[in-house]
N, C-alpha and C. Protein backbone atom coordinates (compact mmCIF):
# COMPACT_ATOMS: atom_id res chain seq x y z
N MET A 1 166.91 72.70 -100.03
CA MET A 1 165.81 73.51 -100.48
C MET A 1 166.29 74.89 -101.01
N LEU A 2 167.55 75.25 -100.73
CA LEU A 2 168.05 76.45 -101.29
C LEU A 2 168.19 76.32 -102.82
N LYS A 3 168.49 75.14 -103.30
CA LYS A 3 168.59 74.92 -104.73
C LYS A 3 167.18 75.12 -105.37
N ALA A 4 166.19 74.60 -104.76
CA ALA A 4 164.82 74.80 -105.25
C ALA A 4 164.42 76.26 -105.29
N ALA A 5 164.75 76.98 -104.23
CA ALA A 5 164.46 78.40 -104.20
C ALA A 5 165.18 79.13 -105.28
N LYS A 6 166.44 78.76 -105.49
CA LYS A 6 167.23 79.43 -106.57
C LYS A 6 166.64 79.16 -107.93
N ILE A 7 166.19 77.93 -108.20
CA ILE A 7 165.56 77.62 -109.46
C ILE A 7 164.33 78.47 -109.64
N LEU A 8 163.51 78.61 -108.58
CA LEU A 8 162.27 79.44 -108.65
C LEU A 8 162.60 80.89 -108.96
N GLU A 9 163.63 81.39 -108.33
CA GLU A 9 164.06 82.77 -108.51
C GLU A 9 164.58 83.03 -109.89
N GLU A 10 165.22 82.04 -110.50
CA GLU A 10 165.73 82.19 -111.82
C GLU A 10 164.62 82.13 -112.88
N GLN A 11 163.49 81.52 -112.49
CA GLN A 11 162.38 81.36 -113.44
C GLN A 11 161.25 82.37 -113.15
N MET A 12 161.53 83.41 -112.41
CA MET A 12 160.49 84.32 -111.97
C MET A 12 159.67 84.94 -113.09
N THR A 13 160.22 85.14 -114.24
CA THR A 13 159.50 85.78 -115.36
C THR A 13 158.87 84.74 -116.25
N GLN A 14 158.78 83.52 -115.73
CA GLN A 14 158.13 82.45 -116.46
C GLN A 14 157.00 81.86 -115.66
N LYS A 15 156.35 80.91 -116.23
CA LYS A 15 155.25 80.21 -115.54
C LYS A 15 155.84 79.32 -114.39
N PHE A 16 155.08 79.17 -113.33
CA PHE A 16 155.51 78.26 -112.23
C PHE A 16 155.78 76.89 -112.79
N PRO A 17 156.96 76.34 -112.51
CA PRO A 17 157.32 75.07 -113.10
C PRO A 17 156.57 73.85 -112.62
N GLY A 18 155.91 73.99 -111.49
CA GLY A 18 155.20 72.85 -110.94
C GLY A 18 156.04 72.14 -109.90
N VAL A 19 155.38 71.55 -108.90
CA VAL A 19 156.07 70.88 -107.80
C VAL A 19 156.82 69.65 -108.34
N ASN A 20 156.15 68.88 -109.27
CA ASN A 20 156.82 67.68 -109.73
C ASN A 20 158.11 67.95 -110.49
N ALA A 21 158.08 68.95 -111.37
CA ALA A 21 159.28 69.31 -112.16
C ALA A 21 160.38 69.87 -111.19
N LEU A 22 159.94 70.68 -110.25
CA LEU A 22 160.90 71.24 -109.28
C LEU A 22 161.53 70.13 -108.46
N ALA A 23 160.72 69.22 -108.02
CA ALA A 23 161.20 68.06 -107.21
C ALA A 23 162.23 67.24 -108.01
N THR A 24 161.88 67.03 -109.28
CA THR A 24 162.81 66.29 -110.16
C THR A 24 164.13 67.01 -110.27
N SER A 25 164.07 68.34 -110.43
CA SER A 25 165.28 69.14 -110.57
C SER A 25 166.23 69.10 -109.38
N VAL A 26 165.65 68.92 -108.17
CA VAL A 26 166.43 68.89 -107.00
C VAL A 26 166.56 67.46 -106.43
N GLN A 27 166.06 66.51 -107.20
CA GLN A 27 166.18 65.08 -106.92
C GLN A 27 165.58 64.65 -105.55
N VAL A 28 164.37 65.14 -105.31
CA VAL A 28 163.61 64.63 -104.14
C VAL A 28 162.24 64.35 -104.58
N SER A 29 161.45 63.73 -103.72
CA SER A 29 160.04 63.47 -104.08
C SER A 29 159.28 64.78 -103.92
N PRO A 30 158.12 64.89 -104.59
CA PRO A 30 157.27 66.13 -104.47
C PRO A 30 156.81 66.29 -103.02
N SER A 31 156.49 65.26 -102.34
CA SER A 31 155.97 65.46 -100.95
C SER A 31 157.13 65.93 -100.05
N LYS A 32 158.36 65.39 -100.24
CA LYS A 32 159.50 65.84 -99.43
C LYS A 32 159.80 67.33 -99.76
N LEU A 33 159.73 67.63 -101.08
CA LEU A 33 160.02 69.01 -101.48
C LEU A 33 159.03 69.99 -100.76
N LYS A 34 157.76 69.70 -100.85
CA LYS A 34 156.72 70.59 -100.25
C LYS A 34 156.92 70.72 -98.77
N ARG A 35 157.17 69.58 -98.09
CA ARG A 35 157.33 69.56 -96.63
C ARG A 35 158.60 70.37 -96.18
N ASP A 36 159.73 70.03 -96.85
CA ASP A 36 161.00 70.68 -96.41
C ASP A 36 161.06 72.11 -96.85
N PHE A 37 160.46 72.43 -97.98
CA PHE A 37 160.49 73.80 -98.50
C PHE A 37 159.68 74.70 -97.55
N LYS A 38 158.49 74.22 -97.17
CA LYS A 38 157.66 75.03 -96.24
C LYS A 38 158.35 75.22 -94.90
N LYS A 39 158.99 74.13 -94.45
CA LYS A 39 159.68 74.18 -93.16
C LYS A 39 160.79 75.24 -93.19
N GLU A 40 161.52 75.31 -94.31
CA GLU A 40 162.70 76.17 -94.43
C GLU A 40 162.28 77.62 -94.72
N HIS A 41 161.28 77.80 -95.59
CA HIS A 41 160.93 79.13 -96.08
C HIS A 41 159.66 79.67 -95.51
N GLY A 42 158.87 78.84 -94.87
CA GLY A 42 157.59 79.29 -94.28
C GLY A 42 156.48 79.42 -95.30
N LEU A 43 156.75 79.06 -96.52
CA LEU A 43 155.79 79.17 -97.61
C LEU A 43 155.87 77.90 -98.50
N THR A 44 154.79 77.58 -99.19
CA THR A 44 154.84 76.47 -100.17
C THR A 44 155.70 76.96 -101.35
N PRO A 45 156.18 76.05 -102.19
CA PRO A 45 156.95 76.53 -103.36
C PRO A 45 156.15 77.54 -104.26
N LEU A 46 154.85 77.28 -104.41
CA LEU A 46 154.06 78.21 -105.23
C LEU A 46 153.94 79.55 -104.54
N GLU A 47 153.67 79.63 -103.23
CA GLU A 47 153.57 80.88 -102.52
C GLU A 47 154.91 81.64 -102.57
N TYR A 48 155.98 80.94 -102.42
CA TYR A 48 157.31 81.57 -102.46
C TYR A 48 157.53 82.17 -103.84
N PHE A 49 157.18 81.37 -104.89
CA PHE A 49 157.34 81.83 -106.27
C PHE A 49 156.53 83.06 -106.56
N ARG A 50 155.27 83.07 -106.22
CA ARG A 50 154.38 84.19 -106.43
C ARG A 50 154.83 85.44 -105.64
N THR A 51 155.31 85.22 -104.38
CA THR A 51 155.74 86.34 -103.58
C THR A 51 156.95 86.97 -104.25
N ARG A 52 157.89 86.22 -104.72
CA ARG A 52 159.04 86.73 -105.38
C ARG A 52 158.63 87.44 -106.66
N GLN A 53 157.71 86.95 -107.36
CA GLN A 53 157.20 87.60 -108.59
C GLN A 53 156.64 88.94 -108.28
N ILE A 54 155.79 89.00 -107.23
CA ILE A 54 155.12 90.26 -106.89
C ILE A 54 156.18 91.30 -106.47
N ILE A 55 157.14 90.88 -105.68
CA ILE A 55 158.23 91.79 -105.26
C ILE A 55 158.98 92.28 -106.50
N TYR A 56 159.26 91.44 -107.40
CA TYR A 56 159.98 91.75 -108.62
C TYR A 56 159.31 92.76 -109.47
N ILE A 57 157.93 92.64 -109.65
CA ILE A 57 157.24 93.55 -110.49
C ILE A 57 156.72 94.81 -109.83
N THR A 58 156.80 94.90 -108.51
CA THR A 58 156.27 96.04 -107.78
C THR A 58 156.91 97.35 -108.31
N GLY A 59 158.16 97.30 -108.55
CA GLY A 59 158.85 98.52 -109.09
C GLY A 59 158.31 98.89 -110.43
N MET A 60 158.08 97.90 -111.25
CA MET A 60 157.53 98.17 -112.63
C MET A 60 156.14 98.73 -112.52
N LEU A 61 155.33 98.25 -111.61
CA LEU A 61 154.01 98.80 -111.43
C LEU A 61 154.01 100.20 -110.95
N ASN A 62 154.88 100.52 -110.01
CA ASN A 62 154.97 101.86 -109.46
C ASN A 62 155.46 102.84 -110.54
N GLY A 63 156.40 102.40 -111.36
CA GLY A 63 156.95 103.22 -112.39
C GLY A 63 156.13 103.21 -113.66
N ARG A 64 155.12 102.29 -113.70
CA ARG A 64 154.27 102.12 -114.87
C ARG A 64 155.08 101.91 -116.13
N GLN A 65 156.12 101.10 -116.04
CA GLN A 65 156.92 100.80 -117.18
C GLN A 65 156.15 99.84 -118.18
N LYS A 66 155.25 99.05 -117.60
CA LYS A 66 154.43 98.16 -118.35
C LYS A 66 153.02 98.23 -117.80
N THR A 67 152.08 97.78 -118.67
CA THR A 67 150.67 97.74 -118.21
C THR A 67 150.53 96.49 -117.28
N ILE A 68 149.44 96.53 -116.55
CA ILE A 68 149.11 95.41 -115.63
C ILE A 68 148.99 94.17 -116.46
N LYS A 69 148.33 94.25 -117.64
CA LYS A 69 148.16 93.08 -118.47
C LYS A 69 149.48 92.53 -118.98
N GLU A 70 150.39 93.47 -119.35
CA GLU A 70 151.72 93.00 -119.80
C GLU A 70 152.48 92.32 -118.69
N LEU A 71 152.38 92.86 -117.47
CA LEU A 71 153.09 92.20 -116.32
C LEU A 71 152.51 90.82 -116.01
N ALA A 72 151.17 90.77 -116.01
CA ALA A 72 150.55 89.49 -115.73
C ALA A 72 150.97 88.47 -116.77
N MET A 73 150.98 88.79 -118.01
CA MET A 73 151.36 87.86 -119.10
C MET A 73 152.86 87.51 -118.94
N MET A 74 153.67 88.47 -118.61
CA MET A 74 155.11 88.26 -118.45
C MET A 74 155.38 87.26 -117.38
N LEU A 75 154.59 87.22 -116.34
CA LEU A 75 154.76 86.32 -115.25
C LEU A 75 154.04 84.99 -115.40
N GLY A 76 153.43 84.78 -116.54
CA GLY A 76 152.78 83.52 -116.84
C GLY A 76 151.36 83.35 -116.40
N PHE A 77 150.72 84.46 -116.05
CA PHE A 77 149.29 84.43 -115.67
C PHE A 77 148.48 84.47 -116.94
N LYS A 78 147.48 83.61 -117.07
CA LYS A 78 146.60 83.58 -118.22
C LYS A 78 145.49 84.63 -118.08
N LYS A 79 145.15 84.95 -116.86
CA LYS A 79 144.08 85.89 -116.61
C LYS A 79 144.56 87.00 -115.68
N ILE A 80 144.23 88.21 -115.97
CA ILE A 80 144.54 89.31 -115.08
C ILE A 80 143.88 89.18 -113.72
N SER A 81 142.77 88.54 -113.66
CA SER A 81 142.05 88.36 -112.37
C SER A 81 142.89 87.48 -111.46
N ALA A 82 143.50 86.45 -111.97
CA ALA A 82 144.34 85.57 -111.16
C ALA A 82 145.56 86.35 -110.65
N PHE A 83 146.06 87.17 -111.48
CA PHE A 83 147.24 87.99 -111.09
C PHE A 83 146.85 88.93 -109.99
N SER A 84 145.66 89.57 -110.12
CA SER A 84 145.11 90.49 -109.13
C SER A 84 144.93 89.83 -107.77
N VAL A 85 144.41 88.57 -107.82
CA VAL A 85 144.18 87.89 -106.59
C VAL A 85 145.56 87.63 -105.86
N TRP A 86 146.53 87.16 -106.57
CA TRP A 86 147.84 86.92 -105.95
C TRP A 86 148.48 88.24 -105.49
N TYR A 87 148.36 89.27 -106.26
CA TYR A 87 148.89 90.56 -105.90
C TYR A 87 148.30 91.06 -104.62
N ARG A 88 147.00 90.98 -104.49
CA ARG A 88 146.27 91.46 -103.36
C ARG A 88 146.65 90.57 -102.11
N LYS A 89 146.76 89.28 -102.31
CA LYS A 89 147.10 88.34 -101.23
C LYS A 89 148.48 88.65 -100.66
N ILE A 90 149.45 88.92 -101.57
CA ILE A 90 150.82 89.11 -101.10
C ILE A 90 151.10 90.52 -100.65
N SER A 91 150.58 91.51 -101.39
CA SER A 91 150.89 92.88 -101.02
C SER A 91 149.93 93.53 -100.11
N GLY A 92 148.73 92.97 -100.02
CA GLY A 92 147.71 93.53 -99.14
C GLY A 92 146.96 94.72 -99.73
N THR A 93 147.27 95.01 -100.98
CA THR A 93 146.63 96.17 -101.68
C THR A 93 146.14 95.69 -103.05
N ASP A 94 145.26 96.47 -103.62
CA ASP A 94 144.79 96.20 -104.95
C ASP A 94 145.80 96.75 -105.96
N ILE A 95 145.78 96.19 -107.15
CA ILE A 95 146.74 96.61 -108.19
C ILE A 95 146.42 98.06 -108.64
N ILE A 96 145.22 98.33 -108.86
CA ILE A 96 144.85 99.63 -109.43
C ILE A 96 144.56 100.67 -108.38
């Protein structure tokens, strides 16, 4: 599952690749990937991916290097509201 985590970390500035594609990349079934990944990391692959993304962009938000919309688009979110929901869920605070 370390390989799967590494793949997710390398793709942080892209859209979530999906469990099926990730499972194929590490040559396991999607159900085994989800089960083993959560057991090892305490999060589902999507939760892990979003958490890493939020950590990654927190510095940019604090420094206001980019707008919230630019950051959301950069991370593959189609809607700012979806980005806001994940940000609030992970950081415990609102974006603005």
